Amino acid sequence: MRPRIHAISILIAFFAAGCNLTPEYLRPDVPVPPTFTTASAAPLPNIDPDWWRIFRSGTLTTLIAEANVDNTDIAAAFRRIEQARASYRIARSTLFPAIEVGGDATLQRVNLKGFPPDTRKIYNANANLNYEVDLFGGNRAATASARADVVSRLFDREDVELTVQAEVATTYMSLLLARERLRIANDTIGNVMEVLRVVVARFEAGAATSLDTAQQKSALASTRAVQALFSEDVRNAENALAVLLGDAAGTLHVNGTGLAALRVPAIAPGQPAALLYRRPDIRRAEADLIAANADIGAARAALFPSLNLNLDAAFTNTPVKTTTTAIGASLLAPIFQGGRLRANVRLTEERKAELVETYRKTVLVALQEVEDALAAIKGSRQRVAQLTTSFQEARNAYRLSRVQYEAGAIDFTTLLDAQRTQIVAEDNLALARFERLAAVVDLIRALGGGWVEKP
């Protein structure tokens, strides 16, 4: 009997260690170009992990620090991590024996005629050990899947953090843009009112027409309408920032300098292949794929028999103390399940195939976002340069036109055109500055946020 038991133990150990029905994981092949269209001399650019500091704005740094602590999306992502960790511990518990103990105590009083009453205390104790031998690696595969899900949730939190940080930065810049445009509107109202006084004075002197006066009053009313719109934009941007910081709308007022005071950093995109391990959304998609691959192993293992070992021990302190021990083993093999088990295997395989395509798309979208951000940076840089010149010339043209109009050298229509040109040029310059800063934020996010190459 002993040699037979020894041989069975060796066989069980062999199956427990050697049978693994999980397919080998291979990272999906995705066409990644060797370089971006905007070449970079740095193969792997270093970006400050606190990347928002490179804009050199104390207000922006404070806002993002608050969002990192109080943002509700980040907090929810952390809770998803804790849920995944709990699920992993549940899955991992199947790799170990389950032990249960119990007991009871009974007070028994015996009255026999002719004998004094007898009180007895009876104790019962029992213990049970149950262990499922992981013959075909189903429990190990389920544990690996749960472990990969934890990794996925960790990368999910990183992606949420990066998204929130980028939204805070862009929204703050939108607030500065709205304030800049509001300032332009306020300055324009002052200029328009000054010109209106000149027009009214010339009209009263007979040197201007009522049409000139009406046109300037119309321009004043239009500018005041735009002023109200920009005031609304300021409030909306502050409300959006409040929500990002976990506060109620209307409770936040942000101080800050203008767009021109923000530093515009130069970011090297590096090599496209670096995105595969820099971007948290790509890493999350791959972790999901690894989990799905392990799920296939668990589903395949369910097609085969399962072996359970059981050990029961009991103790009773009756007048005759007794101890019993029972050892058992049960083998359960699925014979007919109506196709459920094989359908489950097919389900896990198709789920993995779906996630392969999801991973590929995530990589392709990441490459697109970097290319788009690079194009936006290049285009906005050129627009800022040209619009700066355009605004300077428009401002000079308006100044000269006003002098000439007051001297009677030009008509009011020419002055009005010069005035409108200056307003549009200054507003377009503010928009271009915002777009340039927003494009830098988009590029940092597309590259995966802050990154420092380890030596």
Protein backbone atom coordinates (compact mmCIF):
# COMPACT_ATOMS: atom_id res chain seq x y z
CA MET A 1 0.00 0.00 0.00
CA ARG A 2 2.77 2.48 0.86
CA PRO A 3 4.47 2.31 -2.59
CA ARG A 4 1.07 2.87 -4.24
CA ILE A 5 0.36 5.93 -2.08
CA HIS A 6 3.84 7.26 -2.77
CA ALA A 7 3.35 6.84 -6.52
CA ILE A 8 -0.01 8.64 -6.38
CA SER A 9 1.60 11.55 -4.48
CA ILE A 10 4.32 11.85 -7.11
CA LEU A 11 1.71 11.80 -9.87
CA ILE A 12 -0.34 14.52 -8.16
CA ALA A 13 2.74 16.68 -7.67
CA PHE A 14 3.68 16.20 -11.32
CA PHE A 15 0.28 17.35 -12.52
CA ALA A 16 0.17 20.25 -10.05
CA ALA A 17 3.53 21.56 -11.21
CA GLY A 18 3.54 20.68 -14.87
CA CYS A 19 0.06 21.07 -16.37
CA ASN A 20 -0.59 24.55 -17.64
CA LEU A 21 -3.22 25.09 -20.32
CA THR A 22 -2.71 28.85 -20.56
CA PRO A 23 -1.42 29.83 -24.04
CA GLU A 24 1.92 31.58 -24.24
CA TYR A 25 1.46 35.34 -24.20
CA LEU A 26 2.92 37.29 -27.09
CA ARG A 27 2.58 41.04 -27.44
CA PRO A 28 0.48 41.83 -30.54
CA ASP A 29 2.38 43.10 -33.53
CA VAL A 30 1.55 46.73 -34.28
CA PRO A 31 3.14 48.73 -37.11
CA VAL A 32 5.18 51.38 -35.29
CA PRO A 33 7.27 53.77 -37.43
CA PRO A 34 10.93 54.27 -36.48
CA THR A 35 10.52 58.04 -36.01
CA PHE A 36 7.85 60.68 -35.85
CA THR A 37 7.49 63.14 -38.70
CA THR A 38 9.16 65.70 -36.45
CA ALA A 39 12.54 64.07 -35.86
CA SER A 40 14.09 64.14 -32.41
CA ALA A 41 17.73 63.85 -31.48
CA ALA A 42 16.75 62.41 -28.08
CA PRO A 43 15.78 58.73 -28.34
CA LEU A 44 13.98 58.89 -24.99
CA PRO A 45 13.15 62.42 -23.82
CA ASN A 46 13.24 63.21 -20.13
CA ILE A 47 10.24 65.16 -18.84
CA ASP A 48 9.90 66.27 -15.25
CA PRO A 49 7.52 63.85 -13.49
CA ASP A 50 5.75 66.98 -12.24
CA TRP A 51 5.58 68.11 -15.85
CA TRP A 52 3.26 71.06 -15.16
CA ARG A 53 6.15 72.84 -13.42
CA ILE A 54 7.87 73.41 -16.75
CA PHE A 55 5.31 76.14 -17.50
CA ARG A 56 6.68 78.03 -14.47
CA SER A 57 3.31 78.97 -13.05
CA GLY A 58 2.89 78.76 -9.30
CA THR A 59 -0.88 78.94 -9.64
CA LEU A 60 -0.97 75.99 -12.05
CA THR A 61 1.26 73.95 -9.75
CA THR A 62 -1.05 74.63 -6.81
CA LEU A 63 -4.16 73.71 -8.79
CA ILE A 64 -2.77 70.38 -9.98
CA ALA A 65 -1.48 69.55 -6.49
CA GLU A 66 -5.03 70.02 -5.17
CA ALA A 67 -6.52 67.97 -8.01
CA ASN A 68 -4.12 65.09 -7.31
CA VAL A 69 -5.55 64.88 -3.79
CA ASP A 70 -9.21 65.84 -4.15
CA ASN A 71 -10.31 64.93 -7.70
CA THR A 72 -13.19 62.46 -7.63
CA ASP A 73 -12.10 60.56 -10.76
CA ILE A 74 -8.69 59.88 -9.24
CA ALA A 75 -10.30 58.78 -5.99
CA ALA A 76 -12.62 56.41 -7.88
CA ALA A 77 -9.64 54.96 -9.77
CA PHE A 78 -7.93 54.25 -6.44
CA ARG A 79 -11.03 52.39 -5.23
CA ARG A 80 -10.95 50.27 -8.38
CA ILE A 81 -7.39 49.30 -7.47
CA GLU A 82 -8.50 48.19 -4.02
CA GLN A 83 -11.33 46.16 -5.54
CA ALA A 84 -8.89 44.45 -7.91
CA ARG A 85 -6.51 43.68 -5.05
CA ALA A 86 -9.35 42.11 -3.06
CA SER A 87 -10.33 40.02 -6.10
CA TYR A 88 -6.71 38.90 -6.46
CA ARG A 89 -6.59 37.78 -2.84
CA ILE A 90 -9.81 35.83 -3.37
CA ALA A 91 -8.42 34.12 -6.48
CA ARG A 92 -5.08 33.41 -4.80
CA SER A 93 -6.78 31.74 -1.83
CA THR A 94 -7.70 28.77 -4.06
CA LEU A 95 -4.02 27.83 -4.20
CA PHE A 96 -3.99 27.02 -0.48
CA PRO A 97 -5.89 24.55 1.68
CA ALA A 98 -9.10 25.71 3.31
CA ILE A 99 -9.13 24.96 7.04
CA GLU A 100 -12.22 25.19 9.22
CA VAL A 101 -12.55 24.48 12.92
CA GLY A 102 -15.60 24.20 15.12
CA GLY A 103 -16.71 23.00 18.48
CA ASP A 104 -19.51 22.94 20.99
CA ALA A 105 -19.98 22.44 24.70
CA THR A 106 -22.89 20.70 26.38
CA LEU A 107 -23.85 20.65 30.04
CA GLN A 108 -25.60 17.33 30.75
CA ARG A 109 -27.36 16.52 34.03
CA VAL A 110 -28.15 12.84 34.73
CA ASN A 111 -30.64 11.79 37.44
CA LEU A 112 -30.71 8.04 38.21
CA LYS A 113 -32.88 6.61 40.93
CA GLY A 114 -30.85 5.65 43.88
CA PHE A 115 -27.86 7.74 42.77
CA PRO A 116 -27.00 11.36 43.38
CA PRO A 117 -27.45 13.72 40.38
CA ASP A 118 -24.50 13.75 38.02
CA THR A 119 -23.57 16.82 35.97
CA ARG A 120 -21.31 16.30 33.01
CA LYS A 121 -19.60 18.75 30.68
CA ILE A 122 -19.20 17.38 27.20
CA TYR A 123 -16.92 19.08 24.69
CA ASN A 124 -16.77 18.40 20.97
CA ALA A 125 -14.09 19.80 18.67
CA ASN A 126 -13.61 19.21 14.97
CA ALA A 127 -11.37 20.45 12.20
CA ASN A 128 -11.64 20.14 8.45
CA LEU A 129 -8.96 20.65 5.82
CA ASN A 130 -9.97 20.74 2.19
CA TYR A 131 -7.56 21.21 -0.68
CA GLU A 132 -8.22 21.29 -4.40
CA VAL A 133 -5.23 19.94 -6.29
CA ASP A 134 -4.65 22.29 -9.20
CA LEU A 135 -4.04 19.48 -11.67
CA PHE A 136 -4.47 21.50 -14.85
CA GLY A 137 -3.54 24.98 -13.66
CA GLY A 138 -7.04 26.43 -13.56
CA ASN A 139 -6.59 28.10 -10.18
CA ARG A 140 -3.14 29.37 -11.10
CA ALA A 141 -4.53 30.81 -14.32
CA ALA A 142 -7.37 32.54 -12.45
CA THR A 143 -4.83 33.95 -10.00
CA ALA A 144 -2.64 35.21 -12.85
CA SER A 145 -5.68 36.84 -14.43
CA ALA A 146 -6.56 38.60 -11.18
CA ARG A 147 -2.94 39.71 -10.75
CA ALA A 148 -2.95 41.20 -14.25
CA ASP A 149 -6.20 42.97 -13.44
CA VAL A 150 -4.52 44.65 -10.47
CA VAL A 151 -1.77 45.86 -12.79
CA SER A 152 -4.41 47.10 -15.21
CA ARG A 153 -6.12 49.10 -12.45
CA LEU A 154 -2.78 50.62 -11.44
CA PHE A 155 -2.19 51.82 -14.99
CA ASP A 156 -5.80 52.96 -15.13
CA ARG A 157 -5.18 55.23 -12.16
CA GLU A 158 -2.05 56.63 -13.82
CA ASP A 159 -4.04 57.33 -16.97
CA VAL A 160 -6.82 59.02 -14.99
CA GLU A 161 -4.28 61.11 -13.09
CA LEU A 162 -2.60 62.19 -16.32
CA THR A 163 -5.95 63.03 -17.92
CA VAL A 164 -7.07 65.08 -14.92
CA GLN A 165 -3.75 66.91 -14.72
CA ALA A 166 -3.92 67.75 -18.43
CA GLU A 167 -7.53 68.92 -18.05
CA VAL A 168 -6.58 71.16 -15.14
CA ALA A 169 -3.71 72.66 -17.13
CA THR A 170 -5.81 73.22 -20.25
CA THR A 171 -8.76 74.59 -18.27
CA TYR A 172 -6.47 76.99 -16.40
CA MET A 173 -5.06 78.17 -19.71
CA SER A 174 -8.63 78.55 -21.00
CA LEU A 175 -9.34 80.74 -17.98
CA LEU A 176 -6.31 82.90 -18.74
CA LEU A 177 -7.45 83.12 -22.37
CA ALA A 178 -10.96 84.21 -21.33
CA ARG A 179 -9.49 86.86 -19.04
CA GLU A 180 -7.16 88.02 -21.80
CA ARG A 181 -10.05 88.32 -24.25
CA LEU A 182 -12.09 90.11 -21.60
CA ARG A 183 -9.25 92.59 -21.13
CA ILE A 184 -9.09 93.13 -24.87
CA ALA A 185 -12.84 93.76 -24.90
CA ASN A 186 -12.54 96.23 -22.01
CA ASP A 187 -9.70 98.08 -23.74
CA THR A 188 -11.66 98.09 -26.97
CA ILE A 189 -14.71 99.59 -25.24
CA GLY A 190 -12.52 102.40 -23.94
CA ASN A 191 -11.10 103.08 -27.39
CA VAL A 192 -14.50 102.90 -29.05
CA MET A 193 -15.97 105.35 -26.53
CA GLU A 194 -13.10 107.79 -27.13
CA VAL A 195 -13.63 107.59 -30.87
CA LEU A 196 -17.38 108.00 -30.34
CA ARG A 197 -16.76 111.26 -28.47
CA VAL A 198 -14.63 112.46 -31.38
CA VAL A 199 -17.31 111.45 -33.88
CA VAL A 200 -20.05 113.18 -31.88
CA ALA A 201 -17.94 116.33 -31.62
CA ARG A 202 -17.30 116.31 -35.37
CA PHE A 203 -20.99 115.65 -36.02
CA GLU A 204 -21.97 118.63 -33.89
CA ALA A 205 -19.41 120.70 -35.78
CA GLY A 206 -20.86 119.52 -39.08
CA ALA A 207 -17.74 117.55 -40.05
CA ALA A 208 -19.31 114.08 -39.64
CA THR A 209 -22.62 112.45 -40.52
CA SER A 210 -25.25 110.77 -38.42
CA LEU A 211 -24.23 107.52 -40.16
CA ASP A 212 -20.77 107.80 -38.62
CA THR A 213 -22.29 108.22 -35.19
CA ALA A 214 -24.67 105.27 -35.67
CA GLN A 215 -21.85 102.99 -36.86
CA GLN A 216 -19.68 103.78 -33.86
CA LYS A 217 -22.58 103.28 -31.45
CA SER A 218 -23.23 99.92 -33.12
CA ALA A 219 -19.56 98.98 -32.68
CA LEU A 220 -19.77 99.95 -29.00
CA ALA A 221 -22.86 97.80 -28.41
CA SER A 222 -21.30 94.82 -30.21
CA THR A 223 -18.14 95.08 -28.12
CA ARG A 224 -20.16 95.20 -24.91
CA ALA A 225 -22.01 92.05 -26.01
CA VAL A 226 -18.67 90.31 -26.58
CA GLN A 227 -17.53 91.56 -23.18
CA ALA A 228 -20.50 89.81 -21.54
CA LEU A 229 -19.68 86.60 -23.42
CA PHE A 230 -16.07 86.63 -22.22
CA SER A 231 -17.19 87.30 -18.65
CA GLU A 232 -19.32 84.18 -18.91
CA ASP A 233 -16.31 82.22 -20.24
CA VAL A 234 -14.30 83.29 -17.19
CA ARG A 235 -16.98 82.04 -14.80
CA ASN A 236 -17.40 78.78 -16.72
CA ALA A 237 -13.66 78.09 -16.66
CA GLU A 238 -13.50 78.70 -12.90
CA ASN A 239 -16.49 76.41 -12.39
CA ALA A 240 -14.83 73.68 -14.45
CA LEU A 241 -11.65 74.02 -12.39
CA ALA A 242 -13.68 73.78 -9.17
CA VAL A 243 -15.17 70.44 -10.24
CA LEU A 244 -11.74 69.12 -11.24
CA LEU A 245 -10.49 70.05 -7.77
CA GLY A 246 -13.44 68.32 -6.08
CA ASP A 247 -15.18 71.57 -5.12
CA ALA A 248 -18.63 72.91 -5.88
CA ALA A 249 -19.05 75.26 -8.82
CA GLY A 250 -19.02 78.90 -7.83
CA THR A 251 -16.73 78.39 -4.84
CA LEU A 252 -13.37 78.87 -6.60
CA HIS A 253 -11.63 82.04 -7.67
CA VAL A 254 -8.26 81.63 -9.31
CA ASN A 255 -5.55 84.23 -9.50
CA GLY A 256 -3.00 84.05 -12.26
CA THR A 257 -0.93 85.96 -14.76
CA GLY A 258 -1.64 86.19 -18.47
CA LEU A 259 -0.89 83.66 -21.18
CA ALA A 260 2.21 85.53 -22.26
CA ALA A 261 3.76 84.96 -18.81
CA LEU A 262 3.65 81.17 -19.16
CA ARG A 263 6.82 79.52 -20.41
CA VAL A 264 6.46 77.53 -23.62
CA PRO A 265 8.76 74.51 -23.18
CA ALA A 266 10.34 72.57 -26.03
CA ILE A 267 9.46 68.87 -25.82
CA ALA A 268 11.35 66.18 -27.77
CA PRO A 269 8.97 63.38 -28.83
CA GLY A 270 11.59 60.63 -28.77
CA GLN A 271 10.99 57.34 -30.58
CA PRO A 272 7.48 56.02 -31.30
CA ALA A 273 8.28 52.59 -29.83
CA ALA A 274 8.79 54.22 -26.43
CA LEU A 275 5.06 54.85 -26.23
CA LEU A 276 4.48 51.12 -25.64
CA TYR A 277 5.85 51.41 -22.13
CA ARG A 278 5.46 55.15 -21.46
CA ARG A 279 1.73 55.60 -21.96
CA PRO A 280 -0.39 54.20 -19.11
CA ASP A 281 -3.39 53.55 -21.37
CA ILE A 282 -1.28 51.28 -23.58
CA ARG A 283 0.11 49.48 -20.54
CA ARG A 284 -3.44 49.11 -19.20
CA ALA A 285 -4.64 47.65 -22.51
CA GLU A 286 -1.78 45.15 -22.47
CA ALA A 287 -2.50 44.16 -18.86
CA ASP A 288 -6.13 43.53 -19.83
CA LEU A 289 -4.88 41.37 -22.67
CA ILE A 290 -2.62 39.38 -20.34
CA ALA A 291 -5.57 38.81 -17.99
CA ALA A 292 -7.73 37.61 -20.88
CA ASN A 293 -4.95 35.25 -21.96
CA ALA A 294 -4.88 33.73 -18.46
CA ASP A 295 -8.67 33.40 -18.50
CA ILE A 296 -8.30 31.02 -21.43
CA GLY A 297 -6.17 28.71 -19.28
CA ALA A 298 -8.77 28.74 -16.50
CA ALA A 299 -11.56 27.98 -18.97
CA ARG A 300 -9.61 25.11 -20.55
CA ALA A 301 -8.80 23.61 -17.15
CA ALA A 302 -12.52 23.43 -16.38
CA LEU A 303 -12.86 20.83 -19.15
CA PHE A 304 -10.77 18.33 -17.15
CA PRO A 305 -11.32 16.47 -13.86
CA SER A 306 -10.79 18.18 -10.53
CA LEU A 307 -9.27 16.44 -7.51
CA ASN A 308 -10.11 17.40 -3.94
CA LEU A 309 -8.33 16.12 -0.83
CA ASN A 310 -10.14 16.21 2.51
CA LEU A 311 -8.98 15.68 6.07
CA ASP A 312 -11.47 15.60 8.99
CA ALA A 313 -10.52 15.31 12.65
CA ALA A 314 -12.89 15.25 15.65
CA PHE A 315 -12.45 15.02 19.42
CA THR A 316 -15.07 14.30 22.08
CA ASN A 317 -14.48 14.19 25.85
CA THR A 318 -17.33 11.90 26.78
CA PRO A 319 -16.61 9.49 29.57
CA VAL A 320 -14.78 7.61 26.90
CA LYS A 321 -12.66 10.19 25.11
CA THR A 322 -12.72 9.57 21.39
CA THR A 323 -10.70 10.96 18.54
CA THR A 324 -11.59 10.29 14.93
CA THR A 325 -9.68 11.10 11.79
CA ALA A 326 -10.85 10.71 8.21
CA ILE A 327 -8.88 11.24 5.01
CA GLY A 328 -10.61 11.29 1.68
CA ALA A 329 -10.16 12.22 -1.92
CA SER A 330 -12.77 12.95 -4.54
CA LEU A 331 -12.37 13.14 -8.29
CA LEU A 332 -15.00 15.03 -10.24
CA ALA A 333 -14.98 14.91 -14.02
CA PRO A 334 -17.35 16.91 -16.23
CA ILE A 335 -19.19 14.52 -18.54
CA PHE A 336 -22.05 16.51 -19.97
CA GLN A 337 -22.65 20.23 -19.49
CA GLY A 338 -24.68 20.98 -22.59
CA GLY A 339 -21.68 22.61 -24.25
CA ARG A 340 -21.33 25.22 -21.51
CA LEU A 341 -17.66 24.59 -20.74
CA ARG A 342 -16.51 24.57 -24.35
CA ALA A 343 -18.59 27.67 -25.03
CA ASN A 344 -16.82 29.33 -22.11
CA VAL A 345 -13.47 28.48 -23.67
CA ARG A 346 -14.65 30.00 -26.94
CA LEU A 347 -15.87 33.06 -25.05
CA THR A 348 -12.47 33.65 -23.42
CA GLU A 349 -10.66 33.15 -26.72
CA GLU A 350 -12.88 35.65 -28.50
CA ARG A 351 -12.52 38.06 -25.59
CA LYS A 352 -8.76 37.91 -25.99
CA ALA A 353 -9.09 38.42 -29.77
CA GLU A 354 -11.19 41.51 -29.10
CA LEU A 355 -8.62 42.91 -26.67
CA VAL A 356 -5.87 42.31 -29.23
CA GLU A 357 -7.68 44.69 -31.57
CA THR A 358 -8.30 47.10 -28.69
CA TYR A 359 -4.59 47.10 -27.89
CA ARG A 360 -3.66 47.74 -31.51
CA LYS A 361 -6.10 50.62 -31.77
CA THR A 362 -4.81 52.10 -28.51
CA VAL A 363 -1.28 52.12 -29.91
CA LEU A 364 -2.38 53.58 -33.25
CA VAL A 365 -4.41 56.31 -31.55
CA ALA A 366 -1.42 57.11 -29.33
CA LEU A 367 0.79 57.55 -32.39
CA GLN A 368 -1.85 59.74 -33.99
CA GLU A 369 -2.16 61.92 -30.88
CA VAL A 370 1.59 62.53 -30.81
CA GLU A 371 1.64 63.40 -34.52
CA ASP A 372 -1.36 65.71 -34.12
CA ALA A 373 0.21 67.45 -31.13
CA LEU A 374 3.50 67.92 -33.00
CA ALA A 375 1.64 69.40 -35.97
CA ALA A 376 -0.35 71.67 -33.64
CA ILE A 377 2.81 72.90 -31.93
CA LYS A 378 4.49 73.65 -35.24
CA GLY A 379 1.44 75.39 -36.68
CA SER A 380 0.66 77.41 -33.56
CA ARG A 381 4.28 78.53 -33.25
CA GLN A 382 4.16 79.89 -36.79
CA ARG A 383 0.77 81.51 -36.18
CA VAL A 384 2.01 83.24 -33.01
CA ALA A 385 4.98 84.68 -34.90
CA GLN A 386 2.86 85.94 -37.80
CA LEU A 387 0.00 87.20 -35.65
CA THR A 388 2.41 89.09 -33.41
CA THR A 389 3.57 91.01 -36.47
CA SER A 390 -0.02 91.39 -37.66
CA PHE A 391 -1.15 92.85 -34.34
CA GLN A 392 1.77 95.28 -34.16
CA GLU A 393 1.07 96.54 -37.65
CA ALA A 394 -2.69 96.72 -37.04
CA ARG A 395 -2.12 98.72 -33.87
CA ASN A 396 0.12 101.16 -35.72
CA ALA A 397 -2.41 101.42 -38.54
CA TYR A 398 -5.23 102.21 -36.13
CA ARG A 399 -3.17 104.84 -34.33
CA LEU A 400 -2.30 106.54 -37.63
CA SER A 401 -5.88 106.27 -38.88
CA ARG A 402 -7.23 107.95 -35.78
CA VAL A 403 -4.79 110.83 -36.09
CA GLN A 404 -5.67 111.24 -39.76
CA TYR A 405 -9.42 111.05 -39.07
CA GLU A 406 -9.24 113.72 -36.37
CA ALA A 407 -7.31 115.86 -38.86
CA GLY A 408 -9.99 115.23 -41.50
CA ALA A 409 -7.60 113.42 -43.86
CA ILE A 410 -9.61 110.18 -44.10
CA ASP A 411 -13.27 109.22 -43.78
CA PHE A 412 -14.82 107.40 -40.86
CA THR A 413 -15.16 104.11 -42.74
CA THR A 414 -11.38 103.84 -43.04
CA LEU A 415 -10.97 104.48 -39.32
CA LEU A 416 -13.65 101.92 -38.48
CA ASP A 417 -11.94 99.27 -40.61
CA ALA A 418 -8.59 99.97 -38.91
CA GLN A 419 -10.27 99.70 -35.52
CA ARG A 420 -11.85 96.33 -36.35
CA THR A 421 -8.60 95.02 -37.78
CA GLN A 422 -6.72 95.80 -34.55
CA ILE A 423 -9.39 94.13 -32.39
CA VAL A 424 -9.40 90.96 -34.53
CA ALA A 425 -5.58 90.81 -34.71
CA GLU A 426 -5.17 91.10 -30.92
CA ASP A 427 -7.88 88.49 -30.27
CA ASN A 428 -6.36 86.08 -32.79
CA LEU A 429 -2.96 86.49 -31.16
CA ALA A 430 -4.40 85.57 -27.76
CA LEU A 431 -6.06 82.49 -29.30
CA ALA A 432 -2.81 81.43 -30.98
CA ARG A 433 -0.88 81.73 -27.72
CA PHE A 434 -3.46 79.56 -25.98
CA GLU A 435 -3.40 76.97 -28.79
CA ARG A 436 0.39 76.78 -28.58
CA LEU A 437 0.34 76.14 -24.83
CA ALA A 438 -2.55 73.66 -25.15
CA ALA A 439 -0.65 71.81 -27.89
CA VAL A 440 2.32 71.38 -25.53
CA VAL A 441 0.00 69.94 -22.88
CA ASP A 442 -1.49 67.61 -25.50
CA LEU A 443 1.98 66.44 -26.52
CA ILE A 444 3.02 65.74 -22.93
CA ARG A 445 -0.16 63.76 -22.39
CA ALA A 446 0.28 61.90 -25.69
CA LEU A 447 3.82 60.94 -24.64
CA GLY A 448 2.57 59.52 -21.33
CA GLY A 449 3.29 62.42 -19.00
CA GLY A 450 6.44 62.88 -16.97
CA TRP A 451 9.25 60.46 -17.57
CA VAL A 452 12.85 60.27 -16.41
CA GLU A 453 15.09 57.65 -17.99
CA LYS A 454 16.73 55.50 -15.33
CA PRO A 455 20.50 55.08 -15.73
